[in-house]
């Protein structure tokens, strides 16, 4: 009688499970970009690359000038000049965003929660999450590296290439330290170090759950400290004195921190992840207090500026959409407003500002933020029209008004930048036309997405936005 294979021998190894997970991930990506979607993805990638290269060409002369003669006569030019400073702040902005994305990759993303229900080795799950988050970090490195490579190609200053190395080192520390710090914060939540899975429901998370929410900020600060070491002790020191002792110590410190963080993160994940995930689920639940009025605006019947004209039936839909959009995508608002502010400062301080400074945010709005598609996603739309007595017209009205609000709040600064440029009659007309076009596009795409054609709304918005920006370049150049 043949022997029955044991469960240990029949279970695939962690390496094979990891390979299977990565192949499934790759197949999902291929399916998402196949057929007619390939044209939309190609157009979006082409637009992002074009804006990045254009920004590099436009800012190369300004960076070269700042690296030779500082704006303040009392200041001295650092070894890396404006190139290292630009690389530092761009990397800091990326670290600010990825510190929160890594928390999503560890605990909250949809595929993460799905994998937790299958008998997959924790070793394979850790490397799958690490590689998935690393793919996003690698894409950001490619984008920022392309910008600095364009600056180097245009200006010919080799220090821009050192800036690429600084970006890569900073993003690597963000990835590795992010996993170690955030898993370590979750480990600290487990009281006494001996909490088992059957006790999790009996012990209230209480104040200890705050460790999960503070962990991204702690990871961000730790990464910024190491980025400062890279900027001063590695890049700046090498450009000043070459391979000095300080350079060797700084480079070794950063490398050891990255390698050690991966080792520690993997060890904590394999030993404690089921407990950490269960505790995160407990602390992530929304707890309502019966003694607090969460909807004071509804009780007082007050209306904001964006609620004027909405019917009483569509008003709760609009408020629900704006509230959930802010909760689900808080980094979108913060990062885009930061970019708008940086572009505004560049437009007013530059001796020869161009319309491209405001065109880049509009492309970003269409290709990355796409509020008309996000507002129609399952994360925001929970199907209240099927469970509550809400008419389809009211639901569409509330959704369109919420999209319009996001688009205007993000496109208005671009219109102000355009209006401030020369020549004034042409620039003011371009600003008004761009803002009106963004409003019309938002309403049309929101209606398309509300009917279930989310991908079509994204594709249409991307194409129209890119064509509008390209036409603006040509019109502004011809008028100037």
Protein backbone atom coordinates (compact mmCIF):
# COMPACT_ATOMS: atom_id res chain seq x y z
CA UNK A 1 0.00 0.00 0.00
CA UNK A 2 1.57 3.34 -1.02
CA UNK A 3 2.40 5.69 1.79
CA UNK A 4 0.50 8.93 2.12
CA UNK A 5 2.74 11.96 1.80
CA UNK A 6 2.96 14.08 4.91
CA UNK A 7 1.56 17.60 5.01
CA UNK A 8 5.07 19.02 5.41
CA UNK A 9 6.34 17.37 2.25
CA UNK A 10 3.24 18.26 0.23
CA UNK A 11 3.28 21.94 1.27
CA UNK A 12 5.29 24.11 -1.15
CA UNK A 13 8.35 25.78 0.27
CA UNK A 14 8.37 29.47 1.12
CA UNK A 15 10.49 30.18 -1.96
CA UNK A 16 8.00 28.45 -4.26
CA UNK A 17 5.09 30.23 -2.61
CA UNK A 18 6.85 33.56 -3.06
CA UNK A 19 7.46 32.80 -6.72
CA UNK A 20 3.78 31.92 -7.15
CA UNK A 21 2.67 35.16 -5.46
CA UNK A 22 4.96 37.25 -7.63
CA UNK A 23 3.77 35.51 -10.80
CA UNK A 24 0.15 36.18 -9.83
CA UNK A 25 1.04 39.81 -9.13
CA UNK A 26 2.71 40.08 -12.53
CA UNK A 27 -0.29 38.49 -14.27
CA UNK A 28 -2.62 41.01 -12.58
CA UNK A 29 -0.43 43.84 -13.86
CA UNK A 30 -0.39 42.38 -17.37
CA UNK A 31 -4.16 41.97 -17.41
CA UNK A 32 -4.63 45.55 -16.17
CA UNK A 33 -2.53 46.88 -19.06
CA UNK A 34 -3.74 44.60 -21.85
CA UNK A 35 -5.97 45.46 -24.77
CA UNK A 36 -7.27 48.99 -25.01
CA UNK A 37 -5.96 49.75 -21.51
CA UNK A 38 -2.44 49.54 -22.91
CA UNK A 39 -3.04 52.75 -24.86
CA UNK A 40 -4.26 54.53 -21.72
CA UNK A 41 -1.29 53.32 -19.66
CA UNK A 42 1.13 54.22 -22.44
CA UNK A 43 -0.39 57.69 -22.75
CA UNK A 44 -0.21 58.24 -19.01
CA UNK A 45 3.39 57.03 -18.82
CA UNK A 46 4.33 59.19 -21.79
CA UNK A 47 2.75 62.23 -20.16
CA UNK A 48 4.54 61.67 -16.84
CA UNK A 49 7.89 61.10 -18.56
CA UNK A 50 7.37 64.15 -20.76
CA UNK A 51 6.58 66.40 -17.82
CA UNK A 52 9.58 65.05 -15.88
CA UNK A 53 11.98 65.61 -18.79
CA UNK A 54 10.50 69.03 -19.45
CA UNK A 55 10.94 70.03 -15.81
CA UNK A 56 14.57 68.90 -15.97
CA UNK A 57 15.25 70.94 -19.09
CA UNK A 58 13.54 74.04 -17.71
CA UNK A 59 15.29 73.98 -14.33
CA UNK A 60 18.80 72.96 -15.47
CA UNK A 61 20.01 76.53 -16.00
CA UNK A 62 18.55 77.75 -12.70
CA UNK A 63 20.24 74.91 -10.79
CA UNK A 64 23.55 75.57 -12.52
CA UNK A 65 23.36 79.25 -11.63
CA UNK A 66 22.45 78.53 -8.00
CA UNK A 67 25.32 76.06 -7.71
CA UNK A 68 27.83 78.70 -8.82
CA UNK A 69 26.51 81.91 -7.25
CA UNK A 70 24.12 81.68 -4.26
CA UNK A 71 21.14 83.99 -4.03
CA UNK A 72 22.34 85.39 -0.71
CA UNK A 73 25.86 86.93 -0.95
CA UNK A 74 26.51 85.94 2.65
CA UNK A 75 26.03 82.24 1.96
CA UNK A 76 28.56 79.79 0.59
CA UNK A 77 27.87 77.16 -2.04
CA UNK A 78 27.96 73.63 -0.63
CA UNK A 79 29.95 70.87 -2.29
CA UNK A 80 26.89 69.38 -3.95
CA UNK A 81 25.45 72.77 -4.78
CA UNK A 82 21.80 73.12 -5.65
CA UNK A 83 21.83 69.62 -7.16
CA UNK A 84 22.31 67.87 -3.81
CA UNK A 85 19.84 70.23 -2.15
CA UNK A 86 17.21 69.52 -4.82
CA UNK A 87 17.80 65.78 -4.52
CA UNK A 88 17.47 66.03 -0.74
CA UNK A 89 14.11 67.80 -0.78
CA UNK A 90 12.67 65.66 -3.55
CA UNK A 91 13.67 62.54 -1.62
CA UNK A 92 12.24 63.98 1.60
CA UNK A 93 8.92 64.54 -0.19
CA UNK A 94 8.94 60.94 -1.46
CA UNK A 95 9.79 59.64 2.03
CA UNK A 96 6.87 61.61 3.42
CA UNK A 97 4.49 59.73 1.14
CA UNK A 98 6.04 56.26 1.25
CA UNK A 99 6.17 56.17 5.05
CA UNK A 100 2.38 55.89 4.99
CA UNK A 101 2.28 53.63 1.93
CA UNK A 102 4.47 51.08 3.69
CA UNK A 103 1.96 50.86 6.54
CA UNK A 104 -0.71 50.13 3.93
CA UNK A 105 1.49 47.42 2.40
CA UNK A 106 2.01 45.75 5.78
CA UNK A 107 -1.49 45.83 7.25
CA UNK A 108 -4.27 47.43 5.24
CA UNK A 109 -3.98 46.74 1.51
CA UNK A 110 -6.64 44.48 -0.01
CA UNK A 111 -4.28 41.71 -1.15
CA UNK A 112 -2.63 41.75 2.28
CA UNK A 113 -5.89 40.96 4.04
CA UNK A 114 -6.70 38.30 1.44
CA UNK A 115 -3.38 36.51 1.88
CA UNK A 116 -3.90 36.42 5.65
CA UNK A 117 -6.75 33.92 5.13
CA UNK A 118 -4.64 31.42 3.16
CA UNK A 119 -2.04 28.92 4.46
CA UNK A 120 0.93 30.83 3.03
CA UNK A 121 4.25 30.81 4.82
CA UNK A 122 5.00 34.01 6.70
CA UNK A 123 8.44 34.09 5.08
CA UNK A 124 6.83 34.26 1.63
CA UNK A 125 4.30 36.85 2.80
CA UNK A 126 7.02 39.11 4.16
CA UNK A 127 9.11 39.10 0.98
CA UNK A 128 5.98 39.55 -1.13
CA UNK A 129 5.06 42.68 0.82
CA UNK A 130 8.64 43.90 0.73
CA UNK A 131 8.94 43.40 -3.03
CA UNK A 132 5.53 45.00 -3.67
CA UNK A 133 6.44 48.11 -1.67
CA UNK A 134 9.89 48.06 -3.26
CA UNK A 135 8.31 48.20 -6.71
CA UNK A 136 6.58 51.47 -5.85
CA UNK A 137 9.80 52.86 -4.37
CA UNK A 138 11.68 51.79 -7.51
CA UNK A 139 9.15 53.60 -9.71
CA UNK A 140 9.62 56.79 -7.67
CA UNK A 141 13.39 56.41 -7.96
CA UNK A 142 13.09 56.06 -11.73
CA UNK A 143 11.01 59.21 -11.97
CA UNK A 144 13.27 61.34 -9.75
CA UNK A 145 16.37 59.84 -11.34
CA UNK A 146 15.05 60.72 -14.79
CA UNK A 147 14.60 64.33 -13.69
CA UNK A 148 18.16 64.61 -12.35
CA UNK A 149 19.58 62.74 -15.36
CA UNK A 150 17.87 65.28 -17.62
CA UNK A 151 19.39 68.09 -15.57
CA UNK A 152 22.83 66.49 -15.96
CA UNK A 153 22.35 65.93 -19.70
CA UNK A 154 21.23 69.54 -20.21
CA UNK A 155 23.69 71.30 -17.91
CA UNK A 156 26.59 68.86 -18.01
CA UNK A 157 27.31 69.08 -14.27
CA UNK A 158 28.31 65.68 -12.87
CA UNK A 159 27.01 66.62 -9.42
CA UNK A 160 23.50 65.92 -10.69
CA UNK A 161 24.52 62.25 -10.96
CA UNK A 162 25.53 62.31 -7.29
CA UNK A 163 22.01 63.60 -6.65
CA UNK A 164 20.65 60.43 -8.27
CA UNK A 165 22.69 58.36 -5.83
CA UNK A 166 21.36 60.41 -2.93
CA UNK A 167 17.78 59.80 -4.08
CA UNK A 168 18.39 56.05 -4.35
CA UNK A 169 20.02 55.83 -0.91
CA UNK A 170 17.26 57.88 0.71
CA UNK A 171 14.46 55.79 -0.80
CA UNK A 172 16.23 52.58 0.19
CA UNK A 173 16.46 53.72 3.81
CA UNK A 174 12.78 54.68 3.70
CA UNK A 175 11.82 51.19 2.50
CA UNK A 176 13.95 49.21 4.94
CA UNK A 177 13.51 51.42 7.99
CA UNK A 178 9.80 51.72 7.25
CA UNK A 179 9.28 47.98 7.60
CA UNK A 180 11.46 47.67 10.70
CA UNK A 181 10.02 50.64 12.58
CA UNK A 182 6.38 49.94 11.80
CA UNK A 183 6.61 46.26 12.64
CA UNK A 184 8.50 47.19 15.78
CA UNK A 185 5.74 49.62 16.76
CA UNK A 186 3.18 46.88 16.32
CA UNK A 187 5.33 44.57 18.40
CA UNK A 188 5.31 47.15 21.19
CA UNK A 189 1.51 47.00 21.24
CA UNK A 190 1.63 43.37 22.34
CA UNK A 191 1.81 43.89 26.06
CA UNK A 192 4.40 41.98 28.01
CA UNK A 193 5.72 40.26 24.88
CA UNK A 194 3.72 37.07 25.52
CA UNK A 195 0.27 37.93 24.21
CA UNK A 196 -1.34 35.07 22.31
CA UNK A 197 -3.96 35.14 19.61
CA UNK A 198 -6.74 33.90 21.93
CA UNK A 199 -6.21 36.84 24.32
CA UNK A 200 -6.38 39.60 21.73
CA UNK A 201 -10.15 39.95 21.90
CA UNK A 202 -10.11 40.08 25.71
CA UNK A 203 -7.67 42.98 26.03
CA UNK A 204 -8.71 46.39 24.80
CA UNK A 205 -6.11 48.07 22.61
CA UNK A 206 -6.60 51.37 24.41
CA UNK A 207 -3.82 53.91 24.13
CA UNK A 208 -1.37 51.29 22.89
CA UNK A 209 -3.11 51.31 19.51
CA UNK A 210 -1.68 54.78 18.91
CA UNK A 211 1.65 53.09 18.19
CA UNK A 212 0.25 51.93 14.84
CA UNK A 213 -0.63 55.49 13.86
CA UNK A 214 2.57 57.09 15.14
CA UNK A 215 4.76 54.48 13.46
CA UNK A 216 4.72 56.09 9.96
CA UNK A 217 5.81 59.42 11.44
CA UNK A 218 8.61 57.75 13.43
CA UNK A 219 9.72 55.85 10.33
CA UNK A 220 9.69 59.09 8.33
CA UNK A 221 11.82 60.93 10.90
CA UNK A 222 14.29 58.04 11.09
CA UNK A 223 14.59 57.94 7.31
CA UNK A 224 15.11 61.71 7.13
CA UNK A 225 17.91 61.48 9.69
CA UNK A 226 19.69 58.86 7.59
CA UNK A 227 19.01 60.93 4.48
CA UNK A 228 20.77 63.83 6.17
CA UNK A 229 23.73 61.53 6.86
CA UNK A 230 23.78 60.59 3.18
CA UNK A 231 23.59 64.23 2.11
CA UNK A 232 26.33 65.54 4.43
CA UNK A 233 28.53 62.56 5.22
CA UNK A 234 28.42 60.62 1.95
CA UNK A 235 27.64 62.88 -1.01
CA UNK A 236 28.94 66.17 0.40
CA UNK A 237 32.01 64.58 1.98
CA UNK A 238 32.94 62.69 -1.19
CA UNK A 239 32.63 65.82 -3.32
CA UNK A 240 34.73 67.80 -0.82
CA UNK A 241 37.49 65.43 0.32
CA UNK A 242 36.90 62.18 -1.53
CA UNK A 243 36.98 58.85 0.29
CA UNK A 244 37.80 60.23 3.72
CA UNK A 245 37.24 58.48 7.04
CA UNK A 246 33.98 60.38 7.55
CA UNK A 247 32.79 59.24 4.13
CA UNK A 248 33.56 55.60 4.95
CA UNK A 249 31.91 55.76 8.36
CA UNK A 250 28.78 57.48 6.99
CA UNK A 251 28.41 55.07 4.08
CA UNK A 252 28.94 52.10 6.38
CA UNK A 253 26.39 53.44 8.86
CA UNK A 254 23.71 53.83 6.19
CA UNK A 255 24.44 50.39 4.68
CA UNK A 256 24.39 48.71 8.09
CA UNK A 257 21.11 50.42 8.98
CA UNK A 258 19.48 49.19 5.77
CA UNK A 259 20.73 45.60 6.06
CA UNK A 260 19.98 45.41 9.77
CA UNK A 261 16.49 46.81 9.26
CA UNK A 262 15.63 44.13 6.72
CA UNK A 263 16.92 41.41 9.07
CA UNK A 264 15.01 42.74 12.07
CA UNK A 265 11.82 43.34 10.08
CA UNK A 266 11.85 39.81 8.64
CA UNK A 267 12.45 38.31 12.07
CA UNK A 268 9.58 40.22 13.70
CA UNK A 269 7.25 39.50 10.79
CA UNK A 270 7.82 35.75 10.84
CA UNK A 271 7.50 35.52 14.63
CA UNK A 272 4.66 37.92 15.41
CA UNK A 273 2.76 38.97 12.28
CA UNK A 274 -0.51 37.06 12.98
CA UNK A 275 -0.71 38.75 16.39
CA UNK A 276 0.20 42.14 14.93
CA UNK A 277 -2.42 41.90 12.20
CA UNK A 278 -5.12 40.90 14.68
CA UNK A 279 -4.25 43.79 16.96
CA UNK A 280 -4.19 46.20 14.03
CA UNK A 281 -7.68 45.06 13.04
CA UNK A 282 -8.87 45.80 16.57
CA UNK A 283 -7.30 49.24 16.71
CA UNK A 284 -8.41 50.10 13.17
CA UNK A 285 -12.11 49.71 13.97
CA UNK A 286 -14.09 52.96 14.21
CA UNK A 287 -15.53 53.40 17.68
CA UNK A 288 -18.45 55.82 17.93
CA UNK A 289 -19.52 57.59 21.08
CA UNK A 290 -23.23 58.01 21.67
CA UNK A 291 -22.57 61.25 23.57
CA UNK A 292 -20.93 63.10 20.66
CA UNK A 293 -22.69 64.78 17.74
CA UNK A 294 -20.72 63.62 14.72
CA UNK A 295 -23.04 65.29 12.21
CA UNK A 296 -23.52 68.74 13.73
CA UNK A 297 -23.75 70.35 10.32
CA UNK A 298 -26.71 68.15 9.42
CA UNK A 299 -28.48 68.84 12.69
CA UNK A 300 -27.98 72.61 12.42
CA UNK A 301 -28.96 72.68 8.73
CA UNK A 302 -25.96 74.82 7.79
CA UNK A 303 -24.53 74.69 4.28
CA UNK A 304 -21.02 75.35 3.10
CA UNK A 305 -19.95 77.06 -0.09
CA UNK A 306 -19.80 73.82 -2.08
CA UNK A 307 -23.20 72.70 -0.80
CA UNK A 308 -25.13 75.63 -2.23
CA UNK A 309 -27.67 74.46 -4.79
CA UNK A 310 -27.69 70.81 -3.73
CA UNK A 311 -31.03 69.27 -2.86
CA UNK A 312 -31.65 68.02 0.66
CA UNK A 313 -31.51 64.46 -0.65
CA UNK A 314 -28.15 64.91 -2.42
CA UNK A 315 -26.54 66.82 0.45
CA UNK A 316 -25.76 63.73 2.61
CA UNK A 317 -24.28 61.99 -0.44
CA UNK A 318 -21.95 64.92 -1.09
CA UNK A 319 -20.83 65.06 2.54
CA UNK A 320 -20.26 61.33 2.63
CA UNK A 321 -18.16 61.45 -0.54
CA UNK A 322 -15.95 64.34 0.60
CA UNK A 323 -15.49 62.81 4.05
CA UNK A 324 -14.53 59.38 2.72
CA UNK A 325 -12.27 60.85 0.03
CA UNK A 326 -10.34 62.75 2.66
CA UNK A 327 -10.08 59.67 4.87
CA UNK A 328 -9.04 57.26 2.14
CA UNK A 329 -6.63 59.56 0.27
CA UNK A 330 -5.23 62.09 2.76
CA UNK A 331 -1.79 62.04 1.16
CA UNK A 332 -3.23 63.11 -2.20
CA UNK A 333 -4.32 66.45 -0.80
CA UNK A 334 -1.20 67.04 1.26
CA UNK A 335 1.25 66.14 -1.48
CA UNK A 336 -0.53 68.00 -4.24
CA UNK A 337 -0.82 71.19 -2.19
CA UNK A 338 2.88 70.87 -1.37
CA UNK A 339 3.66 70.58 -5.08
CA UNK A 340 1.46 73.57 -5.88
CA UNK A 341 3.26 75.65 -3.28
CA UNK A 342 6.67 74.65 -4.60
CA UNK A 343 5.66 75.47 -8.16
CA UNK A 344 4.23 78.81 -7.07
CA UNK A 345 7.48 79.77 -5.35
CA UNK A 346 9.44 78.72 -8.42
CA UNK A 347 7.17 80.77 -10.69
CA UNK A 348 7.57 83.97 -8.70
CA UNK A 349 11.29 83.61 -7.94
CA UNK A 350 12.38 82.53 -11.39
CA UNK A 351 13.60 85.29 -13.69
CA UNK A 352 11.86 83.78 -16.71
CA UNK A 353 8.87 81.70 -15.51
CA UNK A 354 7.06 79.60 -18.09
CA UNK A 355 3.59 78.16 -18.49
CA UNK A 356 5.08 74.70 -17.89
CA UNK A 357 5.25 75.39 -14.17
CA UNK A 358 1.47 75.23 -14.04
CA UNK A 359 1.07 72.61 -16.77
CA UNK A 360 2.86 69.95 -14.72
CA UNK A 361 0.28 69.98 -11.89
CA UNK A 362 -2.57 69.70 -14.38
CA UNK A 363 -1.02 66.59 -15.90
CA UNK A 364 -0.50 65.20 -12.40
CA UNK A 365 -4.15 65.91 -11.62
CA UNK A 366 -5.31 63.97 -14.66
CA UNK A 367 -2.88 61.04 -14.65
CA UNK A 368 -2.25 60.39 -10.96
CA UNK A 369 -4.98 61.91 -8.81
CA UNK A 370 -8.00 61.33 -11.12
CA UNK A 371 -10.66 62.29 -8.55
CA UNK A 372 -13.51 61.38 -10.91
CA UNK A 373 -12.30 57.76 -11.00
CA UNK A 374 -11.36 57.58 -7.31
CA UNK A 375 -14.73 59.01 -6.24
CA UNK A 376 -16.51 56.21 -8.11
CA UNK A 377 -14.31 53.44 -6.69
CA UNK A 378 -15.55 50.82 -4.26
CA UNK A 379 -13.51 52.45 -1.49
CA UNK A 380 -15.78 55.51 -1.60
CA UNK A 381 -19.04 54.17 -3.04
CA UNK A 382 -20.37 51.52 -0.68
CA UNK A 383 -23.63 51.05 -2.57
CA UNK A 384 -25.80 53.28 -0.38
CA UNK A 385 -28.20 53.73 -3.29
CA UNK A 386 -29.06 50.03 -3.11
CA UNK A 387 -29.52 49.91 0.66
CA UNK A 388 -31.02 53.34 1.39
CA UNK A 389 -33.92 55.25 -0.22
CA UNK A 390 -31.63 57.46 -2.33
CA UNK A 391 -32.48 58.18 -5.95
CA UNK A 392 -29.88 57.61 -8.62
CA UNK A 393 -30.07 61.27 -9.71
CA UNK A 394 -29.34 62.49 -6.19
CA UNK A 395 -26.44 60.08 -5.83
CA UNK A 396 -24.98 61.24 -9.15
CA UNK A 397 -25.46 64.89 -8.17
CA UNK A 398 -23.65 64.45 -4.86
CA UNK A 399 -20.84 62.53 -6.51
CA UNK A 400 -20.35 65.08 -9.31
CA UNK A 401 -20.29 67.98 -6.84
CA UNK A 402 -17.67 66.20 -4.74
CA UNK A 403 -15.49 65.62 -7.82
CA UNK A 404 -15.93 69.24 -8.86
CA UNK A 405 -14.80 70.41 -5.43
CA UNK A 406 -11.59 68.35 -5.56
CA UNK A 407 -10.74 69.45 -9.09
CA UNK A 408 -11.27 73.15 -8.41
CA UNK A 409 -9.29 73.05 -5.17
CA UNK A 410 -6.38 71.45 -6.99
CA UNK A 411 -6.56 73.27 -10.32
CA UNK A 412 -7.16 76.79 -9.01
CA UNK A 413 -3.54 77.32 -7.84
CA UNK A 414 -2.36 76.35 -11.31
CA UNK A 415 -4.68 78.96 -12.80
CA UNK A 416 -3.28 81.60 -10.43
CA UNK A 417 0.26 80.71 -11.50
CA UNK A 418 -0.69 80.98 -15.17
CA UNK A 419 -2.41 84.33 -14.62
CA UNK A 420 0.73 85.74 -12.98
CA UNK A 421 2.91 85.03 -16.00
CA UNK A 422 3.68 87.26 -18.95
CA UNK A 423 2.16 88.51 -21.20
CA UNK A 424 -0.76 89.36 -18.95
CA UNK A 425 -3.69 89.38 -21.40
CA UNK A 426 -2.74 86.01 -22.82
CA UNK A 427 -1.89 84.49 -19.45
CA UNK A 428 -5.18 85.55 -17.83
CA UNK A 429 -7.15 84.12 -20.74
CA UNK A 430 -5.20 80.86 -20.57
CA UNK A 431 -5.84 80.64 -16.81
CA UNK A 432 -9.59 81.13 -17.19
CA UNK A 433 -9.80 78.71 -20.11
CA UNK A 434 -7.81 76.06 -18.24
CA UNK A 435 -9.92 76.33 -15.11
CA UNK A 436 -13.21 76.20 -17.02
CA UNK A 437 -11.93 73.26 -19.06
CA UNK A 438 -10.96 71.41 -15.88
CA UNK A 439 -14.44 71.99 -14.42
CA UNK A 440 -16.23 70.76 -17.56
CA UNK A 441 -13.91 67.76 -17.82
CA UNK A 442 -14.52 66.87 -14.17
CA UNK A 443 -18.31 66.94 -14.55
CA UNK A 444 -18.24 64.85 -17.74
CA UNK A 445 -15.83 62.27 -16.35
CA UNK A 446 -17.73 62.05 -13.05
CA UNK A 447 -20.94 61.24 -14.92
CA UNK A 448 -19.15 58.59 -17.01
CA UNK A 449 -17.57 57.02 -13.92
CA UNK A 450 -20.89 57.12 -12.04
CA UNK A 451 -22.44 54.93 -14.72
CA UNK A 452 -19.87 52.22 -14.07
CA UNK A 453 -17.28 53.19 -16.70
CA UNK A 454 -14.46 54.14 -14.34
CA UNK A 455 -11.68 53.11 -16.72
CA UNK A 456 -13.27 55.04 -19.58
CA UNK A 457 -13.47 58.18 -17.42
CA UNK A 458 -9.79 57.88 -16.52
CA UNK A 459 -8.82 57.36 -20.16
CA UNK A 460 -10.91 60.30 -21.41
CA UNK A 461 -9.65 62.62 -18.67
CA UNK A 462 -6.03 61.70 -19.35
CA UNK A 463 -6.28 62.20 -23.11
CA UNK A 464 -8.13 65.53 -22.89
CA UNK A 465 -5.79 66.85 -20.19
CA UNK A 466 -2.64 65.93 -22.09
CA UNK A 467 -4.00 67.47 -25.29
CA UNK A 468 -5.01 70.62 -23.40
CA UNK A 469 -1.57 70.96 -21.85
CA UNK A 470 0.14 70.37 -25.20
CA UNK A 471 -2.09 72.99 -26.82
CA UNK A 472 -1.33 75.39 -23.99
CA UNK A 473 2.39 74.98 -24.57
CA UNK A 474 1.97 75.80 -28.24
CA UNK A 475 -0.43 78.70 -27.67
CA UNK A 476 1.71 80.29 -24.98
CA UNK A 477 4.87 79.90 -27.04
CA UNK A 478 3.20 81.43 -30.09
CA UNK A 479 1.78 84.37 -28.12
CA UNK A 480 5.09 85.02 -26.35
